[in-house]
Amino acid sequence: ERLVHRAATAGTVVLLVLLTATTAAIFKPRLTAALGITPPPPPAVYPAGAIVDVPAAWYAGAPHTLVIFARESCAACQKAGPFLTTLVARARGSRVAVVFAAAGPDVPENRAFAAALGVPESAFHVSPRVRARATPTLVLVTQQGVVVDAWEGVGPEAKQALIAASVDR
């Protein structure tokens, strides 16, 4: 009888733990967002045609802007560095403004990384208005803030060729 009682108690405890965890997982994000405690998470990648609130200063008179979300401490960003350097040069040659949106705090290392990619100091920003969930993320937008294309990571050469072709267009 004791064994049955202990098993029932343990089963009840496990059930309560699972119920509590499930409830927290479902309702906590909605509740904190509704109360304004934490900002909603950014989209995994910005869909084409979406409108983003990009500061007007990011355009620098160009019809399009390539926003690079990266940070110096990101291994994938470091690995993508040579491609990003080439892409920045191509974009600037195609009359596309380039902005380095630091995904993280404004630290000297992020500024140095942006400079190493060829992004001028005036195009380095830390913006709470535009964010990315993963780094590196590239977003090509018009002056009206309409997303033309977006990519999470730069991946293999085939993906890099698609990114470069979109920027050239």
Foldseek 3Di string as FASTA:
>chain_A
DVVVVVVVVVVVVVVVVVVVVVCCVPCVLVVCCVVVVDPRDDDQKDDFFDFADDDLLQFVPAQKEKEWEAALVDPLCVVCLVLLLVLCVLLVVLRYGYAYAYQDDPDPRRQVSCVSSVHDPSRYHHDPRDHHDAPGKIFMAGSRRGTRDIDHGQDDPVSSVVVSVSSND
